[in-house]
Each structure stands twice: as structure tokens, then as C-alpha cells.
Amino acid sequence: MSAELKDHAGRLYAIQFHYALPDDSWAVELSEAVPAPDSWAEYPDAVTHLPGPPFLVALVPDEDPNLEPTVRVHSPAEHVVPYEIMRWFMAQVADQVEHSRTAFERADHETAD
């Protein structure tokens, strides 16, 4: 799983995508990025940061287009999410919704032919 990183006001945030099988949905997770292990520094192409524990998770159903995407807050501690980071996250969620719905419509159209 790869992650997209974005710097905002000196903090590094990460968005990670993965398939959440129990939910039949794509999960789009927002977290603060954490430094990669020091041992990775010896590898020239190694990433320098990884996603940390997610505090916002959007679930985008891809099996049933009638199910709405949802956003869950996963945080025992309070997190302040800057507006620009929330916009970035929601743009990624919107792209995933569009992709999932387009794929569903394409699959539905192919089975109807």
C-alpha cells in the first residue's frame, strides 16, 4: 500500500488507500505521517515517512451504488485537522467515490449486454 503525503504548516499528513473486505468498501485513511525506521536510510529508494495511525477513515462502498460513503472518526485523542488538509482528504474521497461508481456502472452495463 502506497501513501500520498502532504506538508502543511510544518506537519506531514498521509492518505492511504486499501480495500476493507469486511465492509466491501475502499478505505481512504487520513493520518499524520511518521518517520520511517532509521534502518531504512541505507536503502537509496526507501521512503522517509509512513502513514501513522489513521484518525479519519472514509469508507467508499463498491459493491452497491445505493450505499453512501461514510467518514468515521478513529481517534482516542483530539486531532485538529487544518482546512486545507480536510479539503485534500475529501477530494481524494470524492475521486474514490467517482472511480467506484464508474467501475460499478461499467460492470453493470457489461452484464446487461
PDB file of N, CA and C in Angstrom:
ATOM      1  N   MET A   1       0.831  -1.171   0.000  1.00  0.00           N
ATOM      2  CA  MET A   1       0.000   0.000   0.000  1.00  0.00           C
ATOM      3  C   MET A   1       0.879   1.238   0.000  1.00  0.00           C
ATOM      4  N   SER A   2       0.649   2.063  -0.967  1.00  0.00           N
ATOM      5  CA  SER A   2       1.403   3.297  -1.001  1.00  0.00           C
ATOM      6  C   SER A   2       0.583   4.408  -0.358  1.00  0.00           C
ATOM      7  N   ALA A   3       1.271   5.458  -0.008  1.00  0.00           N
ATOM      8  CA  ALA A   3       0.611   6.581   0.635  1.00  0.00           C
ATOM      9  C   ALA A   3       0.969   7.861  -0.102  1.00  0.00           C
ATOM     10  N   GLU A   4       0.059   8.802  -0.059  1.00  0.00           N
ATOM     11  CA  GLU A   4       0.314  10.136  -0.572  1.00  0.00           C
ATOM     12  C   GLU A   4       0.579  11.028   0.632  1.00  0.00           C
ATOM     13  N   LEU A   5       1.597  11.855   0.528  1.00  0.00           N
ATOM     14  CA  LEU A   5       1.980  12.719   1.634  1.00  0.00           C
ATOM     15  C   LEU A   5       1.774  14.177   1.257  1.00  0.00           C
ATOM     16  N   LYS A   6       1.452  14.997   2.253  1.00  0.00           N
ATOM     17  CA  LYS A   6       1.279  16.438   2.029  1.00  0.00           C
ATOM     18  C   LYS A   6       1.754  17.173   3.267  1.00  0.00           C
ATOM     19  N   ASP A   7       2.588  18.169   3.038  1.00  0.00           N
ATOM     20  CA  ASP A   7       3.089  19.009   4.114  1.00  0.00           C
ATOM     21  C   ASP A   7       2.146  20.192   4.285  1.00  0.00           C
ATOM     22  N   HIS A   8       1.840  20.514   5.520  1.00  0.00           N
ATOM     23  CA  HIS A   8       1.032  21.699   5.813  1.00  0.00           C
ATOM     24  C   HIS A   8       1.521  22.302   7.122  1.00  0.00           C
ATOM     25  N   ALA A   9       2.014  23.522   7.040  1.00  0.00           N
ATOM     26  CA  ALA A   9       2.472  24.270   8.217  1.00  0.00           C
ATOM     27  C   ALA A   9       3.471  23.467   9.062  1.00  0.00           C
ATOM     28  N   GLY A  10       4.365  22.773   8.382  1.00  0.00           N
ATOM     29  CA  GLY A  10       5.402  22.029   9.084  1.00  0.00           C
ATOM     30  C   GLY A  10       5.003  20.651   9.574  1.00  0.00           C
ATOM     31  N   ARG A  11       3.760  20.239   9.322  1.00  0.00           N
ATOM     32  CA  ARG A  11       3.318  18.891   9.689  1.00  0.00           C
ATOM     33  C   ARG A  11       3.102  18.106   8.415  1.00  0.00           C
ATOM     34  N   LEU A  12       3.426  16.840   8.459  1.00  0.00           N
ATOM     35  CA  LEU A  12       3.288  15.970   7.302  1.00  0.00           C
ATOM     36  C   LEU A  12       2.103  15.035   7.528  1.00  0.00           C
ATOM     37  N   TYR A  13       1.179  15.044   6.573  1.00  0.00           N
ATOM     38  CA  TYR A  13      -0.022  14.206   6.634  1.00  0.00           C
ATOM     39  C   TYR A  13       0.065  13.137   5.561  1.00  0.00           C
ATOM     40  N   ALA A  14      -0.638  12.037   5.770  1.00  0.00           N
ATOM     41  CA  ALA A  14      -0.627  10.923   4.823  1.00  0.00           C
ATOM     42  C   ALA A  14      -2.046  10.477   4.534  1.00  0.00           C
ATOM     43  N   ILE A  15      -2.270  10.116   3.272  1.00  0.00           N
ATOM     44  CA  ILE A  15      -3.513   9.456   2.874  1.00  0.00           C
ATOM     45  C   ILE A  15      -3.125   8.104   2.312  1.00  0.00           C
ATOM     46  N   GLN A  16      -3.801   7.083   2.785  1.00  0.00           N
ATOM     47  CA  GLN A  16      -3.548   5.714   2.339  1.00  0.00           C
ATOM     48  C   GLN A  16      -4.873   5.090   1.905  1.00  0.00           C
ATOM     49  N   PHE A  17      -4.818   4.325   0.826  1.00  0.00           N
ATOM     50  CA  PHE A  17      -5.984   3.622   0.299  1.00  0.00           C
ATOM     51  C   PHE A  17      -5.782   2.120   0.489  1.00  0.00           C
ATOM     52  N   HIS A  18      -6.833   1.423   0.881  1.00  0.00           N
ATOM     53  CA  HIS A  18      -6.789  -0.039   0.889  1.00  0.00           C
ATOM     54  C   HIS A  18      -8.217  -0.556   0.827  1.00  0.00           C
ATOM     55  N   TYR A  19      -8.359  -1.818   0.485  1.00  0.00           N
ATOM     56  CA  TYR A  19      -9.692  -2.408   0.410  1.00  0.00           C
ATOM     57  C   TYR A  19     -10.051  -3.004   1.764  1.00  0.00           C
ATOM     58  N   ALA A  20     -11.193  -2.608   2.300  1.00  0.00           N
ATOM     59  CA  ALA A  20     -11.683  -3.118   3.578  1.00  0.00           C
ATOM     60  C   ALA A  20     -12.697  -4.216   3.282  1.00  0.00           C
ATOM     61  N   LEU A  21     -12.225  -5.430   3.210  1.00  0.00           N
ATOM     62  CA  LEU A  21     -13.058  -6.559   2.819  1.00  0.00           C
ATOM     63  C   LEU A  21     -14.312  -6.728   3.675  1.00  0.00           C
ATOM     64  N   PRO A  22     -14.238  -6.615   5.000  1.00  0.00           N
ATOM     65  CA  PRO A  22     -15.463  -6.799   5.790  1.00  0.00           C
ATOM     66  C   PRO A  22     -16.562  -5.787   5.442  1.00  0.00           C
ATOM     67  N   ASP A  23     -16.156  -4.619   4.961  1.00  0.00           N
ATOM     68  CA  ASP A  23     -17.120  -3.567   4.636  1.00  0.00           C
ATOM     69  C   ASP A  23     -17.461  -3.523   3.144  1.00  0.00           C
ATOM     70  N   ASP A  24     -16.823  -4.385   2.327  1.00  0.00           N
ATOM     71  CA  ASP A  24     -16.979  -4.322   0.873  1.00  0.00           C
ATOM     72  C   ASP A  24     -16.817  -2.886   0.395  1.00  0.00           C
ATOM     73  N   SER A  25     -15.772  -2.240   0.873  1.00  0.00           N
ATOM     74  CA  SER A  25     -15.546  -0.826   0.591  1.00  0.00           C
ATOM     75  C   SER A  25     -14.058  -0.531   0.464  1.00  0.00           C
ATOM     76  N   TRP A  26     -13.792   0.554  -0.259  1.00  0.00           N
ATOM     77  CA  TRP A  26     -12.446   1.109  -0.260  1.00  0.00           C
ATOM     78  C   TRP A  26     -12.326   2.012   0.950  1.00  0.00           C
ATOM     79  N   ALA A  27     -11.228   1.891   1.656  1.00  0.00           N
ATOM     80  CA  ALA A  27     -10.961   2.751   2.808  1.00  0.00           C
ATOM     81  C   ALA A  27      -9.932   3.797   2.390  1.00  0.00           C
ATOM     82  N   VAL A  28     -10.248   5.039   2.684  1.00  0.00           N
ATOM     83  CA  VAL A  28      -9.331   6.158   2.454  1.00  0.00           C
ATOM     84  C   VAL A  28      -9.018   6.692   3.847  1.00  0.00           C
ATOM     85  N   GLU A  29      -7.756   6.558   4.262  1.00  0.00           N
ATOM     86  CA  GLU A  29      -7.370   6.883   5.634  1.00  0.00           C
ATOM     87  C   GLU A  29      -6.503   8.132   5.685  1.00  0.00           C
ATOM     88  N   LEU A  30      -6.813   9.013   6.620  1.00  0.00           N
ATOM     89  CA  LEU A  30      -6.003  10.209   6.856  1.00  0.00           C
ATOM     90  C   LEU A  30      -5.293  10.063   8.186  1.00  0.00           C
ATOM     91  N   SER A  31      -3.992  10.349   8.173  1.00  0.00           N
ATOM     92  CA  SER A  31      -3.199  10.287   9.395  1.00  0.00           C
ATOM     93  C   SER A  31      -2.075  11.306   9.313  1.00  0.00           C
ATOM     94  N   GLU A  32      -1.405  11.494  10.420  1.00  0.00           N
ATOM     95  CA  GLU A  32      -0.151  12.238  10.377  1.00  0.00           C
ATOM     96  C   GLU A  32       0.926  11.224  10.003  1.00  0.00           C
ATOM     97  N   ALA A  33       1.844  11.645   9.167  1.00  0.00           N
ATOM     98  CA  ALA A  33       2.927  10.755   8.758  1.00  0.00           C
ATOM     99  C   ALA A  33       3.938  10.641   9.900  1.00  0.00           C
ATOM    100  N   VAL A  34       4.571   9.479   9.976  1.00  0.00           N
ATOM    101  CA  VAL A  34       5.608   9.229  10.981  1.00  0.00           C
ATOM    102  C   VAL A  34       6.894   8.857  10.253  1.00  0.00           C
ATOM    103  N   PRO A  35       8.034   9.157  10.857  1.00  0.00           N
ATOM    104  CA  PRO A  35       9.296   8.810  10.199  1.00  0.00           C
ATOM    105  C   PRO A  35       9.440   7.301   9.998  1.00  0.00           C
ATOM    106  N   ALA A  36      10.023   6.939   8.883  1.00  0.00           N
ATOM    107  CA  ALA A  36      10.331   5.532   8.611  1.00  0.00           C
ATOM    108  C   ALA A  36      11.440   5.091   9.568  1.00  0.00           C
ATOM    109  N   PRO A  37      11.566   3.792   9.794  1.00  0.00           N
ATOM    110  CA  PRO A  37      12.639   3.312  10.671  1.00  0.00           C
ATOM    111  C   PRO A  37      14.022   3.770  10.177  1.00  0.00           C
ATOM    112  N   ASP A  38      14.910   4.076  11.102  1.00  0.00           N
ATOM    113  CA  ASP A  38      16.260   4.526  10.751  1.00  0.00           C
ATOM    114  C   ASP A  38      16.984   3.524   9.867  1.00  0.00           C
ATOM    115  N   SER A  39      16.710   2.241  10.051  1.00  0.00           N
ATOM    116  CA  SER A  39      17.401   1.204   9.276  1.00  0.00           C
ATOM    117  C   SER A  39      17.083   1.304   7.784  1.00  0.00           C
ATOM    118  N   TRP A  40      15.982   1.963   7.425  1.00  0.00           N
ATOM    119  CA  TRP A  40      15.637   2.107   6.005  1.00  0.00           C
ATOM    120  C   TRP A  40      16.531   3.117   5.295  1.00  0.00           C
ATOM    121  N   ALA A  41      17.226   3.960   6.039  1.00  0.00           N
ATOM    122  CA  ALA A  41      18.036   5.025   5.449  1.00  0.00           C
ATOM    123  C   ALA A  41      19.155   4.489   4.560  1.00  0.00           C
ATOM    124  N   GLU A  42      19.577   3.264   4.790  1.00  0.00           N
ATOM    125  CA  GLU A  42      20.659   2.702   3.979  1.00  0.00           C
ATOM    126  C   GLU A  42      20.202   2.314   2.575  1.00  0.00           C
ATOM    127  N   TYR A  43      18.904   2.317   2.327  1.00  0.00           N
ATOM    128  CA  TYR A  43      18.365   1.982   1.013  1.00  0.00           C
ATOM    129  C   TYR A  43      18.050   3.272   0.261  1.00  0.00           C
ATOM    130  N   PRO A  44      18.661   3.471  -0.899  1.00  0.00           N
ATOM    131  CA  PRO A  44      18.520   4.757  -1.598  1.00  0.00           C
ATOM    132  C   PRO A  44      17.094   5.131  -1.996  1.00  0.00           C
ATOM    133  N   ASP A  45      16.229   4.173  -2.307  1.00  0.00           N
ATOM    134  CA  ASP A  45      14.869   4.486  -2.758  1.00  0.00           C
ATOM    135  C   ASP A  45      13.821   4.323  -1.657  1.00  0.00           C
ATOM    136  N   ALA A  46      14.267   4.143  -0.439  1.00  0.00           N
ATOM    137  CA  ALA A  46      13.324   3.923   0.665  1.00  0.00           C
ATOM    138  C   ALA A  46      12.555   5.208   0.977  1.00  0.00           C
ATOM    139  N   VAL A  47      11.301   5.049   1.354  1.00  0.00           N
ATOM    140  CA  VAL A  47      10.511   6.202   1.762  1.00  0.00           C
ATOM    141  C   VAL A  47      11.020   6.718   3.103  1.00  0.00           C
ATOM    142  N   THR A  48      10.819   7.994   3.332  1.00  0.00           N
ATOM    143  CA  THR A  48      11.294   8.594   4.581  1.00  0.00           C
ATOM    144  C   THR A  48      10.201   8.690   5.636  1.00  0.00           C
ATOM    145  N   HIS A  49       8.935   8.605   5.186  1.00  0.00           N
ATOM    146  CA  HIS A  49       7.811   8.679   6.119  1.00  0.00           C
ATOM    147  C   HIS A  49       6.748   7.657   5.742  1.00  0.00           C
ATOM    148  N   LEU A  50       6.020   7.229   6.742  1.00  0.00           N
ATOM    149  CA  LEU A  50       4.936   6.259   6.577  1.00  0.00           C
ATOM    150  C   LEU A  50       3.661   6.824   7.191  1.00  0.00           C
ATOM    151  N   PRO A  51       2.497   6.316   6.779  1.00  0.00           N
ATOM    152  CA  PRO A  51       1.272   6.745   7.448  1.00  0.00           C
ATOM    153  C   PRO A  51       1.288   6.314   8.913  1.00  0.00           C
ATOM    154  N   GLY A  52       0.809   7.184   9.768  1.00  0.00           N
ATOM    155  CA  GLY A  52       0.656   6.841  11.177  1.00  0.00           C
ATOM    156  C   GLY A  52      -0.723   6.241  11.393  1.00  0.00           C
ATOM    157  N   PRO A  53      -1.130   6.106  12.632  1.00  0.00           N
ATOM    158  CA  PRO A  53      -2.477   5.589  12.907  1.00  0.00           C
ATOM    159  C   PRO A  53      -3.533   6.546  12.330  1.00  0.00           C
ATOM    160  N   PRO A  54      -4.504   6.012  11.599  1.00  0.00           N
ATOM    161  CA  PRO A  54      -5.497   6.893  10.978  1.00  0.00           C
ATOM    162  C   PRO A  54      -6.443   7.503  12.014  1.00  0.00           C
ATOM    163  N   PHE A  55      -6.802   8.765  11.783  1.00  0.00           N
ATOM    164  CA  PHE A  55      -7.793   9.388  12.653  1.00  0.00           C
ATOM    165  C   PHE A  55      -9.077   9.711  11.902  1.00  0.00           C
ATOM    166  N   LEU A  56      -9.053   9.684  10.577  1.00  0.00           N
ATOM    167  CA  LEU A  56     -10.264   9.771   9.761  1.00  0.00           C
ATOM    168  C   LEU A  56     -10.211   8.665   8.727  1.00  0.00           C
ATOM    169  N   VAL A  57     -11.313   7.931   8.590  1.00  0.00           N
ATOM    170  CA  VAL A  57     -11.383   6.852   7.597  1.00  0.00           C
ATOM    171  C   VAL A  57     -12.697   7.006   6.839  1.00  0.00           C
ATOM    172  N   ALA A  58     -12.581   7.192   5.529  1.00  0.00           N
ATOM    173  CA  ALA A  58     -13.762   7.220   4.674  1.00  0.00           C
ATOM    174  C   ALA A  58     -13.923   5.829   4.079  1.00  0.00           C
ATOM    175  N   LEU A  59     -15.132   5.298   4.154  1.00  0.00           N
ATOM    176  CA  LEU A  59     -15.431   4.002   3.537  1.00  0.00           C
ATOM    177  C   LEU A  59     -16.298   4.260   2.312  1.00  0.00           C
ATOM    178  N   VAL A  60     -15.812   3.792   1.161  1.00  0.00           N
ATOM    179  CA  VAL A  60     -16.491   4.005  -0.115  1.00  0.00           C
ATOM    180  C   VAL A  60     -16.941   2.653  -0.640  1.00  0.00           C
ATOM    181  N   PRO A  61     -18.243   2.326  -0.504  1.00  0.00           N
ATOM    182  CA  PRO A  61     -18.746   1.031  -0.975  1.00  0.00           C
ATOM    183  C   PRO A  61     -18.562   0.890  -2.486  1.00  0.00           C
ATOM    184  N   ASP A  62     -18.164  -0.296  -2.914  1.00  0.00           N
ATOM    185  CA  ASP A  62     -18.014  -0.510  -4.360  1.00  0.00           C
ATOM    186  C   ASP A  62     -18.854  -1.681  -4.863  1.00  0.00           C
ATOM    187  N   GLU A  63     -19.625  -2.288  -3.994  1.00  0.00           N
ATOM    188  CA  GLU A  63     -20.474  -3.412  -4.400  1.00  0.00           C
ATOM    189  C   GLU A  63     -21.916  -2.979  -4.649  1.00  0.00           C
ATOM    190  N   ASP A  64     -22.352  -1.938  -3.983  1.00  0.00           N
ATOM    191  CA  ASP A  64     -23.732  -1.472  -4.088  1.00  0.00           C
ATOM    192  C   ASP A  64     -23.728   0.045  -4.220  1.00  0.00           C
ATOM    193  N   PRO A  65     -24.065   0.569  -5.402  1.00  0.00           N
ATOM    194  CA  PRO A  65     -24.007   2.019  -5.601  1.00  0.00           C
ATOM    195  C   PRO A  65     -25.060   2.777  -4.788  1.00  0.00           C
ATOM    196  N   ASN A  66     -26.013   2.082  -4.191  1.00  0.00           N
ATOM    197  CA  ASN A  66     -27.026   2.739  -3.375  1.00  0.00           C
ATOM    198  C   ASN A  66     -26.535   3.031  -1.956  1.00  0.00           C
ATOM    199  N   LEU A  67     -25.434   2.389  -1.558  1.00  0.00           N
ATOM    200  CA  LEU A  67     -24.864   2.663  -0.237  1.00  0.00           C
ATOM    201  C   LEU A  67     -24.039   3.941  -0.303  1.00  0.00           C
ATOM    202  N   GLU A  68     -24.205   4.782   0.691  1.00  0.00           N
ATOM    203  CA  GLU A  68     -23.471   6.043   0.717  1.00  0.00           C
ATOM    204  C   GLU A  68     -22.109   5.872   1.374  1.00  0.00           C
ATOM    205  N   PRO A  69     -21.124   6.612   0.875  1.00  0.00           N
ATOM    206  CA  PRO A  69     -19.841   6.644   1.576  1.00  0.00           C
ATOM    207  C   PRO A  69     -20.036   7.253   2.968  1.00  0.00           C
ATOM    208  N   THR A  70     -19.199   6.841   3.883  1.00  0.00           N
ATOM    209  CA  THR A  70     -19.254   7.361   5.243  1.00  0.00           C
ATOM    210  C   THR A  70     -17.855   7.750   5.687  1.00  0.00           C
ATOM    211  N   VAL A  71     -17.776   8.631   6.660  1.00  0.00           N
ATOM    212  CA  VAL A  71     -16.498   9.015   7.257  1.00  0.00           C
ATOM    213  C   VAL A  71     -16.577   8.686   8.732  1.00  0.00           C
ATOM    214  N   ARG A  72     -15.583   7.948   9.188  1.00  0.00           N
ATOM    215  CA  ARG A  72     -15.515   7.566  10.600  1.00  0.00           C
ATOM    216  C   ARG A  72     -14.345   8.274  11.262  1.00  0.00           C
ATOM    217  N   VAL A  73     -14.561   8.681  12.489  1.00  0.00           N
ATOM    218  CA  VAL A  73     -13.500   9.293  13.276  1.00  0.00           C
ATOM    219  C   VAL A  73     -12.926   8.205  14.162  1.00  0.00           C
ATOM    220  N   HIS A  74     -11.644   7.946  14.016  1.00  0.00           N
ATOM    221  CA  HIS A  74     -10.944   6.921  14.802  1.00  0.00           C
ATOM    222  C   HIS A  74      -9.854   7.628  15.602  1.00  0.00           C
ATOM    223  N   SER A  75     -10.201   8.140  16.741  1.00  0.00           N
ATOM    224  CA  SER A  75      -9.196   8.874  17.475  1.00  0.00           C
ATOM    225  C   SER A  75      -9.523   8.929  18.951  1.00  0.00           C
ATOM    226  N   PRO A  76      -8.685   8.322  19.771  1.00  0.00           N
ATOM    227  CA  PRO A  76      -8.898   8.458  21.209  1.00  0.00           C
ATOM    228  C   PRO A  76      -8.480   9.850  21.700  1.00  0.00           C
ATOM    229  N   ALA A  77      -7.602  10.507  20.931  1.00  0.00           N
ATOM    230  CA  ALA A  77      -7.148  11.849  21.290  1.00  0.00           C
ATOM    231  C   ALA A  77      -7.746  12.856  20.309  1.00  0.00           C
ATOM    232  N   GLU A  78      -7.821  14.079  20.746  1.00  0.00           N
ATOM    233  CA  GLU A  78      -8.347  15.125  19.871  1.00  0.00           C
ATOM    234  C   GLU A  78      -7.329  15.454  18.783  1.00  0.00           C
ATOM    235  N   HIS A  79      -7.808  15.542  17.553  1.00  0.00           N
ATOM    236  CA  HIS A  79      -6.964  15.950  16.426  1.00  0.00           C
ATOM    237  C   HIS A  79      -7.574  17.173  15.792  1.00  0.00           C
ATOM    238  N   VAL A  80      -6.757  18.156  15.541  1.00  0.00           N
ATOM    239  CA  VAL A  80      -7.191  19.334  14.800  1.00  0.00           C
ATOM    240  C   VAL A  80      -6.735  19.108  13.366  1.00  0.00           C
ATOM    241  N   VAL A  81      -7.696  19.139  12.439  1.00  0.00           N
ATOM    242  CA  VAL A  81      -7.376  18.920  11.031  1.00  0.00           C
ATOM    243  C   VAL A  81      -7.483  20.257  10.315  1.00  0.00           C
ATOM    244  N   PRO A  82      -6.368  20.761   9.787  1.00  0.00           N
ATOM    245  CA  PRO A  82      -6.430  22.030   9.062  1.00  0.00           C
ATOM    246  C   PRO A  82      -7.372  21.938   7.862  1.00  0.00           C
ATOM    247  N   TYR A  83      -8.002  23.051   7.561  1.00  0.00           N
ATOM    248  CA  TYR A  83      -8.973  23.116   6.472  1.00  0.00           C
ATOM    249  C   TYR A  83      -8.387  22.597   5.160  1.00  0.00           C
ATOM    250  N   GLU A  84      -7.186  23.012   4.795  1.00  0.00           N
ATOM    251  CA  GLU A  84      -6.578  22.568   3.530  1.00  0.00           C
ATOM    252  C   GLU A  84      -6.347  21.061   3.505  1.00  0.00           C
ATOM    253  N   ILE A  85      -6.005  20.485   4.634  1.00  0.00           N
ATOM    254  CA  ILE A  85      -5.812  19.034   4.705  1.00  0.00           C
ATOM    255  C   ILE A  85      -7.155  18.328   4.592  1.00  0.00           C
ATOM    256  N   MET A  86      -8.190  18.864   5.224  1.00  0.00           N
ATOM    257  CA  MET A  86      -9.527  18.269   5.104  1.00  0.00           C
ATOM    258  C   MET A  86     -10.006  18.346   3.654  1.00  0.00           C
ATOM    259  N   ARG A  87      -9.758  19.452   2.980  1.00  0.00           N
ATOM    260  CA  ARG A  87     -10.134  19.578   1.557  1.00  0.00           C
ATOM    261  C   ARG A  87      -9.386  18.550   0.717  1.00  0.00           C
ATOM    262  N   TRP A  88      -8.098  18.370   0.977  1.00  0.00           N
ATOM    263  CA  TRP A  88      -7.283  17.390   0.254  1.00  0.00           C
ATOM    264  C   TRP A  88      -7.833  15.986   0.476  1.00  0.00           C
ATOM    265  N   PHE A  89      -8.126  15.669   1.731  1.00  0.00           N
ATOM    266  CA  PHE A  89      -8.676  14.356   2.068  1.00  0.00           C
ATOM    267  C   PHE A  89     -10.011  14.132   1.361  1.00  0.00           C
ATOM    268  N   MET A  90     -10.918  15.095   1.465  1.00  0.00           N
ATOM    269  CA  MET A  90     -12.241  14.935   0.860  1.00  0.00           C
ATOM    270  C   MET A  90     -12.159  14.883  -0.667  1.00  0.00           C
ATOM    271  N   ALA A  91     -11.195  15.561  -1.284  1.00  0.00           N
ATOM    272  CA  ALA A  91     -11.002  15.449  -2.734  1.00  0.00           C
ATOM    273  C   ALA A  91     -10.581  14.026  -3.102  1.00  0.00           C
ATOM    274  N   GLN A  92      -9.734  13.424  -2.284  1.00  0.00           N
ATOM    275  CA  GLN A  92      -9.315  12.039  -2.529  1.00  0.00           C
ATOM    276  C   GLN A  92     -10.505  11.088  -2.351  1.00  0.00           C
ATOM    277  N   VAL A  93     -11.339  11.359  -1.346  1.00  0.00           N
ATOM    278  CA  VAL A  93     -12.531  10.539  -1.125  1.00  0.00           C
ATOM    279  C   VAL A  93     -13.474  10.686  -2.320  1.00  0.00           C
ATOM    280  N   ALA A  94     -13.697  11.919  -2.774  1.00  0.00           N
ATOM    281  CA  ALA A  94     -14.586  12.156  -3.922  1.00  0.00           C
ATOM    282  C   ALA A  94     -14.076  11.440  -5.167  1.00  0.00           C
ATOM    283  N   ASP A  95     -12.767  11.452  -5.386  1.00  0.00           N
ATOM    284  CA  ASP A  95     -12.193  10.724  -6.527  1.00  0.00           C
ATOM    285  C   ASP A  95     -12.455   9.231  -6.405  1.00  0.00           C
ATOM    286  N   GLN A  96     -12.332   8.684  -5.195  1.00  0.00           N
ATOM    287  CA  GLN A  96     -12.572   7.256  -4.992  1.00  0.00           C
ATOM    288  C   GLN A  96     -14.043   6.917  -5.204  1.00  0.00           C
ATOM    289  N   VAL A  97     -14.943   7.798  -4.758  1.00  0.00           N
ATOM    290  CA  VAL A  97     -16.373   7.591  -4.980  1.00  0.00           C
ATOM    291  C   VAL A  97     -16.657   7.553  -6.477  1.00  0.00           C
ATOM    292  N   GLU A  98     -16.123   8.508  -7.209  1.00  0.00           N
ATOM    293  CA  GLU A  98     -16.335   8.559  -8.665  1.00  0.00           C
ATOM    294  C   GLU A  98     -15.782   7.310  -9.343  1.00  0.00           C
ATOM    295  N   HIS A  99     -14.587   6.912  -8.947  1.00  0.00           N
ATOM    296  CA  HIS A  99     -13.966   5.717  -9.532  1.00  0.00           C
ATOM    297  C   HIS A  99     -14.807   4.467  -9.253  1.00  0.00           C
ATOM    298  N   SER A 100     -15.262   4.314  -8.011  1.00  0.00           N
ATOM    299  CA  SER A 100     -16.050   3.131  -7.646  1.00  0.00           C
ATOM    300  C   SER A 100     -17.384   3.103  -8.375  1.00  0.00           C
ATOM    301  N   ARG A 101     -18.035   4.247  -8.476  1.00  0.00           N
ATOM    302  CA  ARG A 101     -19.333   4.291  -9.170  1.00  0.00           C
ATOM    303  C   ARG A 101     -19.182   4.065 -10.664  1.00  0.00           C
ATOM    304  N   THR A 102     -18.128   4.614 -11.248  1.00  0.00           N
ATOM    305  CA  THR A 102     -17.881   4.388 -12.677  1.00  0.00           C
ATOM    306  C   THR A 102     -17.606   2.919 -12.940  1.00  0.00           C
ATOM    307  N   ALA A 103     -16.802   2.293 -12.093  1.00  0.00           N
ATOM    308  CA  ALA A 103     -16.497   0.870 -12.257  1.00  0.00           C
ATOM    309  C   ALA A 103     -17.758   0.029 -12.098  1.00  0.00           C
ATOM    310  N   PHE A 104     -18.611   0.378 -11.137  1.00  0.00           N
ATOM    311  CA  PHE A 104     -19.844  -0.375 -10.933  1.00  0.00           C
ATOM    312  C   PHE A 104     -20.757  -0.238 -12.149  1.00  0.00           C
ATOM    313  N   GLU A 105     -20.904   0.986 -12.667  1.00  0.00           N
ATOM    314  CA  GLU A 105     -21.749   1.211 -13.842  1.00  0.00           C
ATOM    315  C   GLU A 105     -21.219   0.456 -15.052  1.00  0.00           C
ATOM    316  N   ARG A 106     -19.907   0.441 -15.221  1.00  0.00           N
ATOM    317  CA  ARG A 106     -19.292  -0.285 -16.333  1.00  0.00           C
ATOM    318  C   ARG A 106     -19.557  -1.774 -16.208  1.00  0.00           C
ATOM    319  N   ALA A 107     -19.401  -2.313 -15.018  1.00  0.00           N
ATOM    320  CA  ALA A 107     -19.636  -3.748 -14.790  1.00  0.00           C
ATOM    321  C   ALA A 107     -21.108  -4.077 -14.984  1.00  0.00           C
ATOM    322  N   ASP A 108     -21.993  -3.198 -14.527  1.00  0.00           N
ATOM    323  CA  ASP A 108     -23.428  -3.405 -14.679  1.00  0.00           C
ATOM    324  C   ASP A 108     -23.826  -3.364 -16.158  1.00  0.00           C
ATOM    325  N   HIS A 109     -23.230  -2.453 -16.889  1.00  0.00           N
ATOM    326  CA  HIS A 109     -23.510  -2.322 -18.326  1.00  0.00           C
ATOM    327  C   HIS A 109     -23.012  -3.548 -19.086  1.00  0.00           C
ATOM    328  N   GLU A 110     -21.841  -4.069 -18.710  1.00  0.00           N
ATOM    329  CA  GLU A 110     -21.273  -5.241 -19.401  1.00  0.00           C
ATOM    330  C   GLU A 110     -22.113  -6.481 -19.162  1.00  0.00           C
ATOM    331  N   THR A 111     -22.707  -6.620 -17.973  1.00  0.00           N
ATOM    332  CA  THR A 111     -23.534  -7.800 -17.705  1.00  0.00           C
ATOM    333  C   THR A 111     -24.894  -7.695 -18.390  1.00  0.00           C
ATOM    334  N   ALA A 112     -25.325  -6.458 -18.699  1.00  0.00           N
ATOM    335  CA  ALA A 112     -26.615  -6.267 -19.365  1.00  0.00           C
ATOM    336  C   ALA A 112     -26.529  -6.558 -20.869  1.00  0.00           C
ATOM    337  N   ASP A 113     -25.333  -6.460 -21.420  1.00  0.00           N
ATOM    338  CA  ASP A 113     -25.173  -6.700 -22.873  1.00  0.00           C
ATOM    339  C   ASP A 113     -25.257  -8.135 -23.244  1.00  0.00           C
TER     340      ASP A 113
END
